[in-house]
Amino acid sequence: MMAVTAIMAGLLPILWGSETGASVMKRIDAPMVGGMISSTALTLVLIPALYSLWKEHELLSLRAGDDASESSSPEVPALLSGDRGSELPGAYHVSET
């Protein structure tokens, strides 16, 4: 966001300028401003919305698979259950004595 703000702050005076050579620079500046606005909207709105829809679809398909197998509780992987034994590569164990 800070980079977009800085770029826009540098491009807007060129876009609004009326001194010598401004007509040439406006033709270069206008697509750049439009690109910055569209890329910001894409990054902040569209991509997170698509990701959310994708993850929701993935979760619903997993839930439908669990319902089909009649499993009421999903299995918790060993890494999440607190049993961190030999599943971790390079893991070491501290013996409590």
Protein backbone atom coordinates (compact mmCIF):
# COMPACT_ATOMS: atom_id res chain seq x y z
CA MET A 1 0.00 0.00 0.00
CA MET A 2 2.83 2.38 0.78
CA ALA A 3 4.48 1.70 -2.58
CA VAL A 4 1.22 2.31 -4.44
CA THR A 5 0.66 5.53 -2.49
CA ALA A 6 4.17 6.75 -3.30
CA ILE A 7 3.83 5.89 -7.00
CA MET A 8 0.43 7.56 -7.22
CA ALA A 9 1.76 10.64 -5.42
CA GLY A 10 4.44 10.90 -8.08
CA LEU A 11 2.13 10.26 -11.04
CA LEU A 12 -0.84 12.47 -10.17
CA PRO A 13 1.01 15.81 -10.56
CA ILE A 14 2.09 14.72 -14.04
CA LEU A 15 -1.49 13.75 -14.90
CA TRP A 16 -2.85 17.09 -13.66
CA GLY A 17 -0.05 19.21 -15.12
CA SER A 18 -0.60 21.78 -17.85
CA GLU A 19 2.90 23.09 -18.53
CA THR A 20 5.04 22.43 -21.59
CA GLY A 21 5.19 18.76 -22.54
CA ALA A 22 2.24 17.80 -20.33
CA SER A 23 0.25 16.46 -23.27
CA VAL A 24 2.99 13.92 -24.05
CA MET A 25 3.40 12.90 -20.42
CA LYS A 26 -0.36 12.50 -19.88
CA ARG A 27 -0.45 9.82 -22.56
CA ILE A 28 2.22 7.92 -20.63
CA ASP A 29 0.88 8.68 -17.16
CA ALA A 30 -2.79 7.78 -17.63
CA PRO A 31 -2.23 4.04 -18.28
CA MET A 32 0.20 3.89 -15.36
CA VAL A 33 -2.34 5.41 -12.97
CA GLY A 34 -5.03 3.06 -14.25
CA GLY A 35 -2.71 0.10 -13.84
CA MET A 36 -1.85 1.07 -10.28
CA ILE A 37 -5.53 1.44 -9.37
CA SER A 38 -6.53 -1.84 -11.00
CA SER A 39 -3.61 -3.80 -9.53
CA THR A 40 -4.40 -2.47 -6.07
CA ALA A 41 -8.07 -3.42 -6.42
CA LEU A 42 -7.07 -6.83 -7.72
CA THR A 43 -4.69 -7.42 -4.82
CA LEU A 44 -6.95 -6.13 -2.05
CA VAL A 45 -10.38 -7.30 -3.24
CA LEU A 46 -10.49 -9.83 -6.05
CA ILE A 47 -7.69 -12.24 -5.10
CA PRO A 48 -8.78 -12.58 -1.42
CA ALA A 49 -12.39 -13.08 -2.52
CA LEU A 50 -11.42 -15.82 -4.99
CA TYR A 51 -9.19 -17.46 -2.39
CA SER A 52 -12.03 -17.41 0.14
CA LEU A 53 -14.41 -19.01 -2.34
CA TRP A 54 -11.82 -21.65 -3.23
CA LYS A 55 -11.14 -22.53 0.41
CA GLU A 56 -14.87 -22.61 1.20
CA HIS A 57 -15.43 -25.01 -1.70
CA GLU A 58 -12.52 -27.15 -0.48
CA LEU A 59 -13.90 -27.28 3.07
CA LEU A 60 -17.39 -28.13 1.85
CA SER A 61 -16.05 -30.96 -0.30
CA LEU A 62 -14.05 -32.31 2.67
CA ARG A 63 -17.12 -32.08 4.88
CA ALA A 64 -19.18 -33.91 2.25
CA GLY A 65 -16.52 -36.62 2.16
CA ASP A 66 -16.66 -36.94 5.97
CA ASP A 67 -20.45 -37.21 5.89
CA ALA A 68 -20.23 -39.94 3.27
CA SER A 69 -17.89 -42.02 5.44
CA GLU A 70 -20.07 -41.33 8.54
CA SER A 71 -17.13 -40.08 10.54
CA SER A 72 -18.38 -37.72 13.23
CA SER A 73 -14.98 -36.41 14.31
CA PRO A 74 -12.06 -35.73 12.02
CA GLU A 75 -8.73 -37.28 12.87
CA VAL A 76 -6.22 -34.86 14.32
CA PRO A 77 -2.75 -35.20 12.86
CA ALA A 78 -0.01 -36.10 15.31
CA LEU A 79 1.66 -32.73 14.83
CA LEU A 80 -1.46 -30.91 16.03
CA SER A 81 -2.39 -33.25 18.87
CA GLY A 82 0.72 -32.49 20.90
CA ASP A 83 2.38 -35.87 20.22
CA ARG A 84 5.53 -34.62 18.57
CA GLY A 85 7.59 -37.73 18.41
CA SER A 86 9.48 -39.08 15.46
CA GLU A 87 7.14 -37.39 12.96
CA LEU A 88 9.32 -34.31 12.88
CA PRO A 89 12.52 -34.68 10.87
CA GLY A 90 15.52 -33.87 13.02
CA ALA A 91 13.42 -33.79 16.19
CA TYR A 92 15.11 -34.49 19.46
CA HIS A 93 13.60 -35.60 22.72
CA VAL A 94 14.38 -34.25 26.15
CA SER A 95 13.97 -36.81 28.86
CA GLU A 96 12.33 -35.56 32.01
CA THR A 97 14.21 -37.05 34.95
